[in-house]
Amino acid sequence: MAGVKIAKAKKEEMFFRKFFCDIRVLEYDKMAAEESNSIAAKLSAIGKKVNDMDILIAGIAIANGAEKVITRDEDFREIAKITDIKVVIY
């Protein structure tokens, strides 16, 4: 929503507000934090640098039982190598 607010795009803001009311938004809770920390530690141990936000997203997904992430972000390939989550790059 930050980009929409910066652009002062009212139509897009209304779209996203409705969109987020209609879907389940997963929270960053203690379990997600533990998963994220585990991912970060494993990546660090093998010398891989991945965007911190991607690590948080993966931690949230794993903590909530997601089996797959569909994304355009190539960083998730590295995350998939050290977790059980499948990644589909489109």
N, C-alpha and C. Protein backbone atom coordinates (compact mmCIF):
# COMPACT_ATOMS: atom_id res chain seq x y z
N MET A 1 0.82 -1.20 0.00
CA MET A 1 0.00 0.00 0.00
C MET A 1 0.86 1.27 0.00
N ALA A 2 2.12 1.16 0.38
CA ALA A 2 2.96 2.36 0.46
C ALA A 2 3.08 3.05 -0.91
N GLY A 3 3.31 2.26 -1.95
CA GLY A 3 3.43 2.84 -3.29
C GLY A 3 2.16 3.52 -3.74
N VAL A 4 1.03 2.92 -3.41
CA VAL A 4 -0.27 3.49 -3.77
C VAL A 4 -0.48 4.81 -3.04
N LYS A 5 -0.11 4.85 -1.76
CA LYS A 5 -0.28 6.08 -0.98
C LYS A 5 0.66 7.18 -1.47
N ILE A 6 1.90 6.80 -1.80
CA ILE A 6 2.86 7.78 -2.30
C ILE A 6 2.35 8.38 -3.60
N ALA A 7 1.81 7.54 -4.47
CA ALA A 7 1.30 8.00 -5.76
C ALA A 7 -0.05 8.70 -5.64
N LYS A 8 -0.65 8.64 -4.45
CA LYS A 8 -1.98 9.21 -4.21
C LYS A 8 -2.99 8.69 -5.23
N ALA A 9 -2.90 7.39 -5.48
CA ALA A 9 -3.77 6.73 -6.45
C ALA A 9 -5.01 6.21 -5.73
N LYS A 10 -6.02 7.02 -5.64
CA LYS A 10 -7.24 6.69 -4.89
C LYS A 10 -7.96 5.46 -5.43
N LYS A 11 -8.06 5.35 -6.75
CA LYS A 11 -8.75 4.20 -7.35
C LYS A 11 -8.04 2.90 -6.99
N GLU A 12 -6.71 2.88 -7.09
CA GLU A 12 -5.93 1.70 -6.75
C GLU A 12 -6.01 1.41 -5.25
N GLU A 13 -6.01 2.45 -4.44
CA GLU A 13 -6.12 2.26 -3.00
C GLU A 13 -7.44 1.60 -2.65
N MET A 14 -8.51 2.03 -3.26
CA MET A 14 -9.82 1.42 -3.01
C MET A 14 -9.83 -0.04 -3.45
N PHE A 15 -9.21 -0.33 -4.60
CA PHE A 15 -9.13 -1.70 -5.07
C PHE A 15 -8.41 -2.59 -4.05
N PHE A 16 -7.25 -2.15 -3.58
CA PHE A 16 -6.47 -2.96 -2.65
C PHE A 16 -7.14 -3.09 -1.29
N ARG A 17 -7.81 -2.05 -0.83
CA ARG A 17 -8.54 -2.17 0.44
C ARG A 17 -9.61 -3.25 0.34
N LYS A 18 -10.34 -3.28 -0.77
CA LYS A 18 -11.35 -4.32 -0.97
C LYS A 18 -10.69 -5.68 -1.11
N PHE A 19 -9.62 -5.74 -1.88
CA PHE A 19 -8.90 -6.99 -2.10
C PHE A 19 -8.46 -7.59 -0.76
N PHE A 20 -7.87 -6.78 0.12
CA PHE A 20 -7.38 -7.30 1.39
C PHE A 20 -8.50 -7.63 2.36
N CYS A 21 -9.68 -7.13 2.13
CA CYS A 21 -10.84 -7.52 2.95
C CYS A 21 -11.36 -8.89 2.53
N ASP A 22 -11.11 -9.24 1.29
CA ASP A 22 -11.65 -10.48 0.73
C ASP A 22 -10.70 -11.68 0.85
N ILE A 23 -9.46 -11.45 1.27
CA ILE A 23 -8.52 -12.55 1.39
C ILE A 23 -7.98 -12.64 2.81
N ARG A 24 -7.44 -13.79 3.12
CA ARG A 24 -6.82 -13.99 4.43
C ARG A 24 -5.40 -13.44 4.38
N VAL A 25 -5.09 -12.51 5.25
CA VAL A 25 -3.75 -11.95 5.33
C VAL A 25 -3.03 -12.65 6.48
N LEU A 26 -1.91 -13.26 6.18
CA LEU A 26 -1.15 -14.00 7.18
C LEU A 26 -0.30 -13.04 8.01
N GLU A 27 -0.23 -13.31 9.30
CA GLU A 27 0.50 -12.42 10.20
C GLU A 27 1.93 -12.89 10.43
N TYR A 28 2.76 -11.94 10.79
CA TYR A 28 4.12 -12.24 11.21
C TYR A 28 4.08 -12.41 12.72
N ASP A 29 4.00 -13.66 13.14
CA ASP A 29 3.89 -13.96 14.56
C ASP A 29 5.16 -14.67 15.03
N LYS A 30 5.13 -15.21 16.25
CA LYS A 30 6.31 -15.85 16.82
C LYS A 30 6.78 -17.03 15.98
N MET A 31 5.85 -17.86 15.53
CA MET A 31 6.21 -19.02 14.72
C MET A 31 6.84 -18.58 13.39
N ALA A 32 6.27 -17.54 12.79
CA ALA A 32 6.82 -17.02 11.53
C ALA A 32 8.22 -16.44 11.76
N ALA A 33 8.40 -15.78 12.90
CA ALA A 33 9.72 -15.22 13.24
C ALA A 33 10.74 -16.34 13.40
N GLU A 34 10.35 -17.42 14.06
CA GLU A 34 11.26 -18.55 14.23
C GLU A 34 11.63 -19.18 12.90
N GLU A 35 10.65 -19.33 12.01
CA GLU A 35 10.93 -19.87 10.68
C GLU A 35 11.85 -18.94 9.89
N SER A 36 11.58 -17.65 9.96
CA SER A 36 12.41 -16.67 9.26
C SER A 36 13.84 -16.70 9.78
N ASN A 37 14.00 -16.77 11.10
CA ASN A 37 15.34 -16.82 11.68
C ASN A 37 16.08 -18.08 11.24
N SER A 38 15.38 -19.18 11.17
CA SER A 38 15.99 -20.43 10.72
C SER A 38 16.45 -20.32 9.27
N ILE A 39 15.61 -19.75 8.43
CA ILE A 39 15.97 -19.55 7.02
C ILE A 39 17.20 -18.65 6.91
N ALA A 40 17.19 -17.53 7.63
CA ALA A 40 18.31 -16.59 7.58
C ALA A 40 19.61 -17.26 8.04
N ALA A 41 19.53 -18.05 9.10
CA ALA A 41 20.73 -18.72 9.62
C ALA A 41 21.27 -19.74 8.61
N LYS A 42 20.38 -20.51 8.00
CA LYS A 42 20.81 -21.51 7.02
C LYS A 42 21.44 -20.84 5.80
N LEU A 43 20.83 -19.76 5.33
CA LEU A 43 21.39 -19.04 4.17
C LEU A 43 22.75 -18.45 4.52
N SER A 44 22.87 -17.90 5.70
CA SER A 44 24.14 -17.32 6.14
C SER A 44 25.23 -18.38 6.22
N ALA A 45 24.86 -19.55 6.71
CA ALA A 45 25.83 -20.64 6.86
C ALA A 45 26.41 -21.10 5.52
N ILE A 46 25.63 -20.94 4.45
CA ILE A 46 26.14 -21.35 3.13
C ILE A 46 26.57 -20.15 2.28
N GLY A 47 26.59 -18.97 2.92
CA GLY A 47 27.10 -17.77 2.25
C GLY A 47 26.18 -17.17 1.22
N LYS A 48 24.88 -17.41 1.33
CA LYS A 48 23.92 -16.85 0.37
C LYS A 48 23.25 -15.62 0.96
N LYS A 49 23.19 -14.55 0.20
CA LYS A 49 22.52 -13.32 0.62
C LYS A 49 21.19 -13.23 -0.11
N VAL A 50 20.12 -13.13 0.67
CA VAL A 50 18.76 -13.02 0.13
C VAL A 50 18.10 -11.82 0.78
N ASN A 51 17.27 -11.13 0.05
CA ASN A 51 16.54 -9.98 0.57
C ASN A 51 15.81 -10.36 1.86
N ASP A 52 15.97 -9.53 2.88
CA ASP A 52 15.36 -9.81 4.19
C ASP A 52 13.84 -9.94 4.12
N MET A 53 13.20 -9.13 3.28
CA MET A 53 11.74 -9.22 3.16
C MET A 53 11.32 -10.57 2.59
N ASP A 54 12.10 -11.11 1.68
CA ASP A 54 11.79 -12.43 1.11
C ASP A 54 11.90 -13.51 2.18
N ILE A 55 12.88 -13.37 3.07
CA ILE A 55 13.03 -14.32 4.17
C ILE A 55 11.82 -14.23 5.10
N LEU A 56 11.35 -13.02 5.38
CA LEU A 56 10.15 -12.86 6.23
C LEU A 56 8.93 -13.47 5.57
N ILE A 57 8.77 -13.22 4.28
CA ILE A 57 7.63 -13.78 3.55
C ILE A 57 7.67 -15.30 3.57
N ALA A 58 8.83 -15.87 3.33
CA ALA A 58 8.97 -17.33 3.35
C ALA A 58 8.68 -17.88 4.74
N GLY A 59 9.16 -17.20 5.76
CA GLY A 59 8.90 -17.63 7.14
C GLY A 59 7.42 -17.63 7.46
N ILE A 60 6.72 -16.60 7.03
CA ILE A 60 5.27 -16.52 7.24
C ILE A 60 4.58 -17.67 6.49
N ALA A 61 4.97 -17.88 5.26
CA ALA A 61 4.35 -18.94 4.45
C ALA A 61 4.55 -20.30 5.09
N ILE A 62 5.76 -20.61 5.48
CA ILE A 62 6.07 -21.91 6.07
C ILE A 62 5.34 -22.09 7.40
N ALA A 63 5.34 -21.05 8.23
CA ALA A 63 4.66 -21.13 9.53
C ALA A 63 3.17 -21.38 9.38
N ASN A 64 2.61 -20.99 8.25
CA ASN A 64 1.17 -21.16 8.02
C ASN A 64 0.86 -22.37 7.14
N GLY A 65 1.84 -23.23 6.95
CA GLY A 65 1.60 -24.48 6.25
C GLY A 65 1.60 -24.42 4.74
N ALA A 66 2.09 -23.34 4.17
CA ALA A 66 2.15 -23.25 2.71
C ALA A 66 3.13 -24.28 2.16
N GLU A 67 2.75 -24.91 1.09
CA GLU A 67 3.63 -25.88 0.44
C GLU A 67 4.36 -25.28 -0.74
N LYS A 68 3.83 -24.16 -1.24
CA LYS A 68 4.35 -23.58 -2.48
C LYS A 68 4.24 -22.07 -2.44
N VAL A 69 5.23 -21.40 -3.04
CA VAL A 69 5.19 -19.95 -3.24
C VAL A 69 5.29 -19.72 -4.74
N ILE A 70 4.40 -18.90 -5.27
CA ILE A 70 4.43 -18.53 -6.68
C ILE A 70 4.85 -17.08 -6.74
N THR A 71 5.95 -16.81 -7.44
CA THR A 71 6.54 -15.49 -7.41
C THR A 71 7.35 -15.21 -8.67
N ARG A 72 7.72 -13.96 -8.84
CA ARG A 72 8.64 -13.58 -9.90
C ARG A 72 10.03 -13.35 -9.33
N ASP A 73 10.15 -13.44 -8.01
CA ASP A 73 11.38 -13.11 -7.30
C ASP A 73 12.34 -14.30 -7.26
N GLU A 74 13.46 -14.16 -7.91
CA GLU A 74 14.45 -15.24 -8.01
C GLU A 74 15.08 -15.60 -6.66
N ASP A 75 15.05 -14.70 -5.67
CA ASP A 75 15.61 -15.00 -4.35
C ASP A 75 14.97 -16.25 -3.74
N PHE A 76 13.73 -16.50 -4.09
CA PHE A 76 13.04 -17.64 -3.51
C PHE A 76 13.63 -18.98 -3.97
N ARG A 77 14.38 -18.98 -5.07
CA ARG A 77 15.07 -20.21 -5.47
C ARG A 77 16.07 -20.63 -4.40
N GLU A 78 16.78 -19.65 -3.84
CA GLU A 78 17.76 -19.95 -2.78
C GLU A 78 17.04 -20.42 -1.52
N ILE A 79 15.93 -19.81 -1.21
CA ILE A 79 15.16 -20.22 -0.03
C ILE A 79 14.65 -21.65 -0.20
N ALA A 80 14.20 -21.99 -1.39
CA ALA A 80 13.69 -23.34 -1.66
C ALA A 80 14.77 -24.40 -1.46
N LYS A 81 16.02 -24.04 -1.70
CA LYS A 81 17.12 -25.01 -1.56
C LYS A 81 17.33 -25.43 -0.11
N ILE A 82 16.94 -24.58 0.85
CA ILE A 82 17.23 -24.90 2.25
C ILE A 82 15.96 -25.10 3.07
N THR A 83 14.81 -25.13 2.40
CA THR A 83 13.54 -25.38 3.09
C THR A 83 12.76 -26.45 2.32
N ASP A 84 11.61 -26.81 2.87
CA ASP A 84 10.75 -27.79 2.18
C ASP A 84 9.73 -27.12 1.26
N ILE A 85 9.76 -25.79 1.17
CA ILE A 85 8.76 -25.10 0.36
C ILE A 85 9.15 -25.15 -1.12
N LYS A 86 8.17 -25.40 -1.95
CA LYS A 86 8.38 -25.40 -3.41
C LYS A 86 8.18 -23.98 -3.91
N VAL A 87 8.93 -23.62 -4.93
CA VAL A 87 8.85 -22.28 -5.50
C VAL A 87 8.58 -22.40 -6.99
N VAL A 88 7.59 -21.66 -7.45
CA VAL A 88 7.27 -21.57 -8.87
C VAL A 88 7.56 -20.15 -9.31
N ILE A 89 8.49 -20.01 -10.22
CA ILE A 89 8.85 -18.70 -10.77
C ILE A 89 8.07 -18.52 -12.07
N TYR A 90 7.36 -17.40 -12.16
CA TYR A 90 6.62 -17.15 -13.40
C TYR A 90 7.20 -16.00 -14.15
